[in-house]
Amino acid sequence: MRVLLGVLVVVSIGVFANSAMRYNDLLREQRELEQQLEEYREMKEELEELINSDMDYETIVKIAKEQLGLYFPDEEIFYNDQNK
């Protein structure tokens, strides 16, 4: 009877530890997803501002450069990879 009770306690502790680790993993994943959601909301607001703004030449060039990564053929582009 004592052996059975001991096995039951060990199994219960194992299940509890596994559940606690899974809970912590899910909390970390939730924080990451909430951060991504906030980034997407900010991106959405920026895009809505661009859509609602006047489509003059400067706005079109800004959208092409920032959102699409397009540049003029004679434009010189310099990259800085020191921060990576």
PDB file of N, CA and C in Angstrom:
ATOM      1  N   MET A   1       0.823  -1.190   0.000  1.00  0.00           N
ATOM      2  CA  MET A   1       0.000   0.000   0.000  1.00  0.00           C
ATOM      3  C   MET A   1       0.867   1.253   0.000  1.00  0.00           C
ATOM      4  N   ARG A   2       1.955   1.240   0.795  1.00  0.00           N
ATOM      5  CA  ARG A   2       2.844   2.398   0.855  1.00  0.00           C
ATOM      6  C   ARG A   2       3.560   2.611  -0.479  1.00  0.00           C
ATOM      7  N   VAL A   3       3.907   1.520  -1.133  1.00  0.00           N
ATOM      8  CA  VAL A   3       4.577   1.615  -2.431  1.00  0.00           C
ATOM      9  C   VAL A   3       3.630   2.258  -3.440  1.00  0.00           C
ATOM     10  N   LEU A   4       2.396   1.841  -3.447  1.00  0.00           N
ATOM     11  CA  LEU A   4       1.397   2.393  -4.354  1.00  0.00           C
ATOM     12  C   LEU A   4       1.196   3.883  -4.085  1.00  0.00           C
ATOM     13  N   LEU A   5       1.124   4.247  -2.825  1.00  0.00           N
ATOM     14  CA  LEU A   5       0.975   5.656  -2.450  1.00  0.00           C
ATOM     15  C   LEU A   5       2.207   6.458  -2.857  1.00  0.00           C
ATOM     16  N   GLY A   6       3.400   5.903  -2.696  1.00  0.00           N
ATOM     17  CA  GLY A   6       4.641   6.565  -3.107  1.00  0.00           C
ATOM     18  C   GLY A   6       4.698   6.780  -4.605  1.00  0.00           C
ATOM     19  N   VAL A   7       4.303   5.754  -5.378  1.00  0.00           N
ATOM     20  CA  VAL A   7       4.270   5.875  -6.842  1.00  0.00           C
ATOM     21  C   VAL A   7       3.267   6.941  -7.256  1.00  0.00           C
ATOM     22  N   LEU A   8       2.133   6.979  -6.589  1.00  0.00           N
ATOM     23  CA  LEU A   8       1.100   7.964  -6.896  1.00  0.00           C
ATOM     24  C   LEU A   8       1.600   9.387  -6.633  1.00  0.00           C
ATOM     25  N   VAL A   9       2.334   9.587  -5.547  1.00  0.00           N
ATOM     26  CA  VAL A   9       2.894  10.903  -5.218  1.00  0.00           C
ATOM     27  C   VAL A   9       3.933  11.306  -6.269  1.00  0.00           C
ATOM     28  N   VAL A  10       4.809  10.394  -6.654  1.00  0.00           N
ATOM     29  CA  VAL A  10       5.847  10.686  -7.648  1.00  0.00           C
ATOM     30  C   VAL A  10       5.201  11.034  -8.991  1.00  0.00           C
ATOM     31  N   VAL A  11       4.206  10.276  -9.402  1.00  0.00           N
ATOM     32  CA  VAL A  11       3.512  10.555 -10.662  1.00  0.00           C
ATOM     33  C   VAL A  11       2.810  11.908 -10.588  1.00  0.00           C
ATOM     34  N   SER A  12       2.183  12.212  -9.478  1.00  0.00           N
ATOM     35  CA  SER A  12       1.496  13.498  -9.312  1.00  0.00           C
ATOM     36  C   SER A  12       2.479  14.662  -9.410  1.00  0.00           C
ATOM     37  N   ILE A  13       3.643  14.517  -8.782  1.00  0.00           N
ATOM     38  CA  ILE A  13       4.663  15.568  -8.858  1.00  0.00           C
ATOM     39  C   ILE A  13       5.145  15.731 -10.300  1.00  0.00           C
ATOM     40  N   GLY A  14       5.332  14.648 -10.995  1.00  0.00           N
ATOM     41  CA  GLY A  14       5.760  14.705 -12.404  1.00  0.00           C
ATOM     42  C   GLY A  14       4.733  15.398 -13.278  1.00  0.00           C
ATOM     43  N   VAL A  15       3.467  15.071 -13.094  1.00  0.00           N
ATOM     44  CA  VAL A  15       2.400  15.699 -13.879  1.00  0.00           C
ATOM     45  C   VAL A  15       2.327  17.188 -13.560  1.00  0.00           C
ATOM     46  N   PHE A  16       2.451  17.534 -12.280  1.00  0.00           N
ATOM     47  CA  PHE A  16       2.408  18.943 -11.885  1.00  0.00           C
ATOM     48  C   PHE A  16       3.572  19.719 -12.488  1.00  0.00           C
ATOM     49  N   ALA A  17       4.777  19.147 -12.443  1.00  0.00           N
ATOM     50  CA  ALA A  17       5.958  19.820 -13.001  1.00  0.00           C
ATOM     51  C   ALA A  17       5.810  20.011 -14.508  1.00  0.00           C
ATOM     52  N   ASN A  18       5.308  18.999 -15.178  1.00  0.00           N
ATOM     53  CA  ASN A  18       5.089  19.091 -16.622  1.00  0.00           C
ATOM     54  C   ASN A  18       4.059  20.166 -16.938  1.00  0.00           C
ATOM     55  N   SER A  19       2.991  20.229 -16.169  1.00  0.00           N
ATOM     56  CA  SER A  19       1.956  21.245 -16.382  1.00  0.00           C
ATOM     57  C   SER A  19       2.499  22.643 -16.129  1.00  0.00           C
ATOM     58  N   ALA A  20       3.328  22.814 -15.115  1.00  0.00           N
ATOM     59  CA  ALA A  20       3.910  24.124 -14.799  1.00  0.00           C
ATOM     60  C   ALA A  20       4.837  24.574 -15.917  1.00  0.00           C
ATOM     61  N   MET A  21       5.650  23.678 -16.462  1.00  0.00           N
ATOM     62  CA  MET A  21       6.541  24.043 -17.569  1.00  0.00           C
ATOM     63  C   MET A  21       5.736  24.409 -18.810  1.00  0.00           C
ATOM     64  N   ARG A  22       4.700  23.665 -19.099  1.00  0.00           N
ATOM     65  CA  ARG A  22       3.850  23.955 -20.264  1.00  0.00           C
ATOM     66  C   ARG A  22       3.164  25.310 -20.082  1.00  0.00           C
ATOM     67  N   TYR A  23       2.719  25.612 -18.876  1.00  0.00           N
ATOM     68  CA  TYR A  23       2.071  26.890 -18.577  1.00  0.00           C
ATOM     69  C   TYR A  23       3.041  28.041 -18.822  1.00  0.00           C
ATOM     70  N   ASN A  24       4.283  27.902 -18.374  1.00  0.00           N
ATOM     71  CA  ASN A  24       5.284  28.942 -18.596  1.00  0.00           C
ATOM     72  C   ASN A  24       5.584  29.124 -20.079  1.00  0.00           C
ATOM     73  N   ASP A  25       5.652  28.019 -20.818  1.00  0.00           N
ATOM     74  CA  ASP A  25       5.863  28.108 -22.262  1.00  0.00           C
ATOM     75  C   ASP A  25       4.710  28.858 -22.936  1.00  0.00           C
ATOM     76  N   LEU A  26       3.490  28.561 -22.522  1.00  0.00           N
ATOM     77  CA  LEU A  26       2.328  29.227 -23.108  1.00  0.00           C
ATOM     78  C   LEU A  26       2.291  30.712 -22.762  1.00  0.00           C
ATOM     79  N   LEU A  27       2.710  31.076 -21.549  1.00  0.00           N
ATOM     80  CA  LEU A  27       2.779  32.494 -21.179  1.00  0.00           C
ATOM     81  C   LEU A  27       3.803  33.238 -22.027  1.00  0.00           C
ATOM     82  N   ARG A  28       4.960  32.628 -22.254  1.00  0.00           N
ATOM     83  CA  ARG A  28       5.993  33.241 -23.084  1.00  0.00           C
ATOM     84  C   ARG A  28       5.491  33.408 -24.522  1.00  0.00           C
ATOM     85  N   GLU A  29       4.832  32.386 -25.039  1.00  0.00           N
ATOM     86  CA  GLU A  29       4.280  32.450 -26.390  1.00  0.00           C
ATOM     87  C   GLU A  29       3.205  33.534 -26.488  1.00  0.00           C
ATOM     88  N   GLN A  30       2.392  33.675 -25.461  1.00  0.00           N
ATOM     89  CA  GLN A  30       1.358  34.705 -25.448  1.00  0.00           C
ATOM     90  C   GLN A  30       1.988  36.098 -25.495  1.00  0.00           C
ATOM     91  N   ARG A  31       3.046  36.318 -24.713  1.00  0.00           N
ATOM     92  CA  ARG A  31       3.727  37.616 -24.737  1.00  0.00           C
ATOM     93  C   ARG A  31       4.297  37.919 -26.117  1.00  0.00           C
ATOM     94  N   GLU A  32       4.898  36.921 -26.744  1.00  0.00           N
ATOM     95  CA  GLU A  32       5.457  37.112 -28.085  1.00  0.00           C
ATOM     96  C   GLU A  32       4.354  37.440 -29.091  1.00  0.00           C
ATOM     97  N   LEU A  33       3.235  36.745 -29.001  1.00  0.00           N
ATOM     98  CA  LEU A  33       2.129  36.988 -29.930  1.00  0.00           C
ATOM     99  C   LEU A  33       1.504  38.354 -29.708  1.00  0.00           C
ATOM    100  N   GLU A  34       1.416  38.779 -28.458  1.00  0.00           N
ATOM    101  CA  GLU A  34       0.885  40.113 -28.171  1.00  0.00           C
ATOM    102  C   GLU A  34       1.810  41.193 -28.713  1.00  0.00           C
ATOM    103  N   GLN A  35       3.119  40.960 -28.638  1.00  0.00           N
ATOM    104  CA  GLN A  35       4.079  41.917 -29.194  1.00  0.00           C
ATOM    105  C   GLN A  35       3.932  41.985 -30.714  1.00  0.00           C
ATOM    106  N   GLN A  36       3.792  40.834 -31.361  1.00  0.00           N
ATOM    107  CA  GLN A  36       3.588  40.819 -32.810  1.00  0.00           C
ATOM    108  C   GLN A  36       2.294  41.530 -33.174  1.00  0.00           C
ATOM    109  N   LEU A  37       1.250  41.307 -32.401  1.00  0.00           N
ATOM    110  CA  LEU A  37      -0.027  41.953 -32.657  1.00  0.00           C
ATOM    111  C   LEU A  37       0.108  43.469 -32.586  1.00  0.00           C
ATOM    112  N   GLU A  38       0.837  43.968 -31.599  1.00  0.00           N
ATOM    113  CA  GLU A  38       1.044  45.407 -31.464  1.00  0.00           C
ATOM    114  C   GLU A  38       1.825  45.954 -32.661  1.00  0.00           C
ATOM    115  N   GLU A  39       2.832  45.217 -33.113  1.00  0.00           N
ATOM    116  CA  GLU A  39       3.596  45.645 -34.287  1.00  0.00           C
ATOM    117  C   GLU A  39       2.698  45.702 -35.518  1.00  0.00           C
ATOM    118  N   TYR A  40       1.834  44.703 -35.684  1.00  0.00           N
ATOM    119  CA  TYR A  40       0.925  44.688 -36.838  1.00  0.00           C
ATOM    120  C   TYR A  40      -0.096  45.819 -36.748  1.00  0.00           C
ATOM    121  N   ARG A  41      -0.544  46.147 -35.545  1.00  0.00           N
ATOM    122  CA  ARG A  41      -1.480  47.266 -35.387  1.00  0.00           C
ATOM    123  C   ARG A  41      -0.818  48.584 -35.790  1.00  0.00           C
ATOM    124  N   GLU A  42       0.438  48.773 -35.369  1.00  0.00           N
ATOM    125  CA  GLU A  42       1.165  49.981 -35.741  1.00  0.00           C
ATOM    126  C   GLU A  42       1.356  50.054 -37.256  1.00  0.00           C
ATOM    127  N   MET A  43       1.699  48.904 -37.855  1.00  0.00           N
ATOM    128  CA  MET A  43       1.877  48.864 -39.296  1.00  0.00           C
ATOM    129  C   MET A  43       0.563  49.188 -40.009  1.00  0.00           C
ATOM    130  N   LYS A  44      -0.541  48.670 -39.487  1.00  0.00           N
ATOM    131  CA  LYS A  44      -1.852  48.918 -40.071  1.00  0.00           C
ATOM    132  C   LYS A  44      -2.192  50.405 -40.010  1.00  0.00           C
ATOM    133  N   GLU A  45      -1.908  51.040 -38.867  1.00  0.00           N
ATOM    134  CA  GLU A  45      -2.188  52.470 -38.728  1.00  0.00           C
ATOM    135  C   GLU A  45      -1.365  53.286 -39.724  1.00  0.00           C
ATOM    136  N   GLU A  46      -0.084  52.925 -39.892  1.00  0.00           N
ATOM    137  CA  GLU A  46       0.755  53.632 -40.856  1.00  0.00           C
ATOM    138  C   GLU A  46       0.214  53.485 -42.268  1.00  0.00           C
ATOM    139  N   LEU A  47      -0.199  52.266 -42.612  1.00  0.00           N
ATOM    140  CA  LEU A  47      -0.726  52.032 -43.960  1.00  0.00           C
ATOM    141  C   LEU A  47      -2.053  52.758 -44.171  1.00  0.00           C
ATOM    142  N   GLU A  48      -2.895  52.814 -43.142  1.00  0.00           N
ATOM    143  CA  GLU A  48      -4.154  53.550 -43.262  1.00  0.00           C
ATOM    144  C   GLU A  48      -3.904  55.036 -43.462  1.00  0.00           C
ATOM    145  N   GLU A  49      -2.883  55.579 -42.766  1.00  0.00           N
ATOM    146  CA  GLU A  49      -2.533  56.984 -42.953  1.00  0.00           C
ATOM    147  C   GLU A  49      -2.069  57.230 -44.380  1.00  0.00           C
ATOM    148  N   LEU A  50      -1.286  56.294 -44.923  1.00  0.00           N
ATOM    149  CA  LEU A  50      -0.829  56.456 -46.298  1.00  0.00           C
ATOM    150  C   LEU A  50      -1.986  56.377 -47.281  1.00  0.00           C
ATOM    151  N   ILE A  51      -2.922  55.490 -47.027  1.00  0.00           N
ATOM    152  CA  ILE A  51      -4.073  55.336 -47.922  1.00  0.00           C
ATOM    153  C   ILE A  51      -4.947  56.580 -47.886  1.00  0.00           C
ATOM    154  N   ASN A  52      -5.135  57.140 -46.700  1.00  0.00           N
ATOM    155  CA  ASN A  52      -6.020  58.290 -46.549  1.00  0.00           C
ATOM    156  C   ASN A  52      -5.360  59.614 -46.927  1.00  0.00           C
ATOM    157  N   SER A  53      -4.045  59.620 -47.117  1.00  0.00           N
ATOM    158  CA  SER A  53      -3.363  60.863 -47.462  1.00  0.00           C
ATOM    159  C   SER A  53      -3.508  61.158 -48.955  1.00  0.00           C
ATOM    160  N   ASP A  54      -3.189  62.387 -49.322  1.00  0.00           N
ATOM    161  CA  ASP A  54      -3.219  62.769 -50.729  1.00  0.00           C
ATOM    162  C   ASP A  54      -2.145  61.994 -51.474  1.00  0.00           C
ATOM    163  N   MET A  55      -2.486  61.517 -52.633  1.00  0.00           N
ATOM    164  CA  MET A  55      -1.538  60.750 -53.434  1.00  0.00           C
ATOM    165  C   MET A  55      -0.782  61.664 -54.384  1.00  0.00           C
ATOM    166  N   ASP A  56       0.054  62.515 -53.827  1.00  0.00           N
ATOM    167  CA  ASP A  56       0.899  63.343 -54.661  1.00  0.00           C
ATOM    168  C   ASP A  56       2.195  62.585 -54.948  1.00  0.00           C
ATOM    169  N   TYR A  57       3.066  63.203 -55.702  1.00  0.00           N
ATOM    170  CA  TYR A  57       4.307  62.558 -56.122  1.00  0.00           C
ATOM    171  C   TYR A  57       5.159  62.137 -54.933  1.00  0.00           C
ATOM    172  N   GLU A  58       5.302  62.997 -53.940  1.00  0.00           N
ATOM    173  CA  GLU A  58       6.136  62.692 -52.783  1.00  0.00           C
ATOM    174  C   GLU A  58       5.598  61.505 -51.983  1.00  0.00           C
ATOM    175  N   THR A  59       4.292  61.414 -51.843  1.00  0.00           N
ATOM    176  CA  THR A  59       3.689  60.287 -51.112  1.00  0.00           C
ATOM    177  C   THR A  59       3.916  58.982 -51.852  1.00  0.00           C
ATOM    178  N   ILE A  60       3.777  59.004 -53.155  1.00  0.00           N
ATOM    179  CA  ILE A  60       3.985  57.793 -53.959  1.00  0.00           C
ATOM    180  C   ILE A  60       5.443  57.336 -53.853  1.00  0.00           C
ATOM    181  N   VAL A  61       6.381  58.276 -53.909  1.00  0.00           N
ATOM    182  CA  VAL A  61       7.793  57.932 -53.780  1.00  0.00           C
ATOM    183  C   VAL A  61       8.075  57.371 -52.389  1.00  0.00           C
ATOM    184  N   LYS A  62       7.480  57.966 -51.365  1.00  0.00           N
ATOM    185  CA  LYS A  62       7.672  57.494 -49.992  1.00  0.00           C
ATOM    186  C   LYS A  62       7.168  56.064 -49.828  1.00  0.00           C
ATOM    187  N   ILE A  63       5.986  55.774 -50.357  1.00  0.00           N
ATOM    188  CA  ILE A  63       5.429  54.417 -50.277  1.00  0.00           C
ATOM    189  C   ILE A  63       6.336  53.440 -51.021  1.00  0.00           C
ATOM    190  N   ALA A  64       6.791  53.826 -52.198  1.00  0.00           N
ATOM    191  CA  ALA A  64       7.646  52.940 -52.988  1.00  0.00           C
ATOM    192  C   ALA A  64       8.945  52.627 -52.255  1.00  0.00           C
ATOM    193  N   LYS A  65       9.524  53.623 -51.594  1.00  0.00           N
ATOM    194  CA  LYS A  65      10.799  53.406 -50.904  1.00  0.00           C
ATOM    195  C   LYS A  65      10.631  52.637 -49.606  1.00  0.00           C
ATOM    196  N   GLU A  66       9.703  53.063 -48.761  1.00  0.00           N
ATOM    197  CA  GLU A  66       9.568  52.467 -47.429  1.00  0.00           C
ATOM    198  C   GLU A  66       8.868  51.121 -47.438  1.00  0.00           C
ATOM    199  N   GLN A  67       7.798  51.014 -48.176  1.00  0.00           N
ATOM    200  CA  GLN A  67       6.984  49.796 -48.120  1.00  0.00           C
ATOM    201  C   GLN A  67       7.408  48.751 -49.151  1.00  0.00           C
ATOM    202  N   LEU A  68       7.836  49.199 -50.321  1.00  0.00           N
ATOM    203  CA  LEU A  68       8.143  48.258 -51.391  1.00  0.00           C
ATOM    204  C   LEU A  68       9.638  48.076 -51.628  1.00  0.00           C
ATOM    205  N   GLY A  69      10.452  48.956 -51.051  1.00  0.00           N
ATOM    206  CA  GLY A  69      11.898  48.837 -51.220  1.00  0.00           C
ATOM    207  C   GLY A  69      12.375  49.229 -52.604  1.00  0.00           C
ATOM    208  N   LEU A  70      11.630  50.072 -53.296  1.00  0.00           N
ATOM    209  CA  LEU A  70      12.003  50.510 -54.642  1.00  0.00           C
ATOM    210  C   LEU A  70      12.756  51.832 -54.577  1.00  0.00           C
ATOM    211  N   TYR A  71      13.685  52.017 -55.514  1.00  0.00           N
ATOM    212  CA  TYR A  71      14.470  53.242 -55.585  1.00  0.00           C
ATOM    213  C   TYR A  71      14.634  53.646 -57.037  1.00  0.00           C
ATOM    214  N   PHE A  72      15.035  54.888 -57.242  1.00  0.00           N
ATOM    215  CA  PHE A  72      15.281  55.376 -58.591  1.00  0.00           C
ATOM    216  C   PHE A  72      16.566  54.747 -59.126  1.00  0.00           C
ATOM    217  N   PRO A  73      16.655  54.560 -60.463  1.00  0.00           N
ATOM    218  CA  PRO A  73      17.846  53.912 -61.038  1.00  0.00           C
ATOM    219  C   PRO A  73      19.138  54.679 -60.773  1.00  0.00           C
ATOM    220  N   ASP A  74      19.082  56.013 -60.732  1.00  0.00           N
ATOM    221  CA  ASP A  74      20.300  56.788 -60.552  1.00  0.00           C
ATOM    222  C   ASP A  74      20.565  57.130 -59.078  1.00  0.00           C
ATOM    223  N   GLU A  75      19.776  56.595 -58.189  1.00  0.00           N
ATOM    224  CA  GLU A  75      19.917  56.881 -56.764  1.00  0.00           C
ATOM    225  C   GLU A  75      20.983  55.977 -56.146  1.00  0.00           C
ATOM    226  N   GLU A  76      21.860  56.554 -55.339  1.00  0.00           N
ATOM    227  CA  GLU A  76      22.896  55.778 -54.662  1.00  0.00           C
ATOM    228  C   GLU A  76      22.382  55.349 -53.291  1.00  0.00           C
ATOM    229  N   ILE A  77      22.531  54.057 -52.985  1.00  0.00           N
ATOM    230  CA  ILE A  77      22.045  53.493 -51.733  1.00  0.00           C
ATOM    231  C   ILE A  77      23.254  53.023 -50.922  1.00  0.00           C
ATOM    232  N   PHE A  78      23.321  53.430 -49.665  1.00  0.00           N
ATOM    233  CA  PHE A  78      24.390  53.013 -48.769  1.00  0.00           C
ATOM    234  C   PHE A  78      23.787  52.185 -47.644  1.00  0.00           C
ATOM    235  N   TYR A  79      24.394  51.050 -47.344  1.00  0.00           N
ATOM    236  CA  TYR A  79      23.920  50.170 -46.285  1.00  0.00           C
ATOM    237  C   TYR A  79      24.890  50.207 -45.115  1.00  0.00           C
ATOM    238  N   ASN A  80      24.344  50.098 -43.919  1.00  0.00           N
ATOM    239  CA  ASN A  80      25.146  50.068 -42.708  1.00  0.00           C
ATOM    240  C   ASN A  80      24.831  48.774 -41.972  1.00  0.00           C
ATOM    241  N   ASP A  81      25.770  47.839 -42.016  1.00  0.00           N
ATOM    242  CA  ASP A  81      25.582  46.534 -41.380  1.00  0.00           C
ATOM    243  C   ASP A  81      26.332  46.427 -40.055  1.00  0.00           C
ATOM    244  N   GLN A  82      26.775  47.522 -39.502  1.00  0.00           N
ATOM    245  CA  GLN A  82      27.557  47.482 -38.278  1.00  0.00           C
ATOM    246  C   GLN A  82      26.722  47.070 -37.079  1.00  0.00           C
ATOM    247  N   ASN A  83      25.427  47.321 -37.085  1.00  0.00           N
ATOM    248  CA  ASN A  83      24.569  47.014 -35.949  1.00  0.00           C
ATOM    249  C   ASN A  83      24.134  45.563 -35.928  1.00  0.00           C
ATOM    250  N   LYS A  84      24.424  44.823 -36.944  1.00  0.00           N
ATOM    251  CA  LYS A  84      23.952  43.438 -36.997  1.00  0.00           C
ATOM    252  C   LYS A  84      24.950  42.501 -36.406  1.00  0.00           C
TER     253      LYS A  84
END
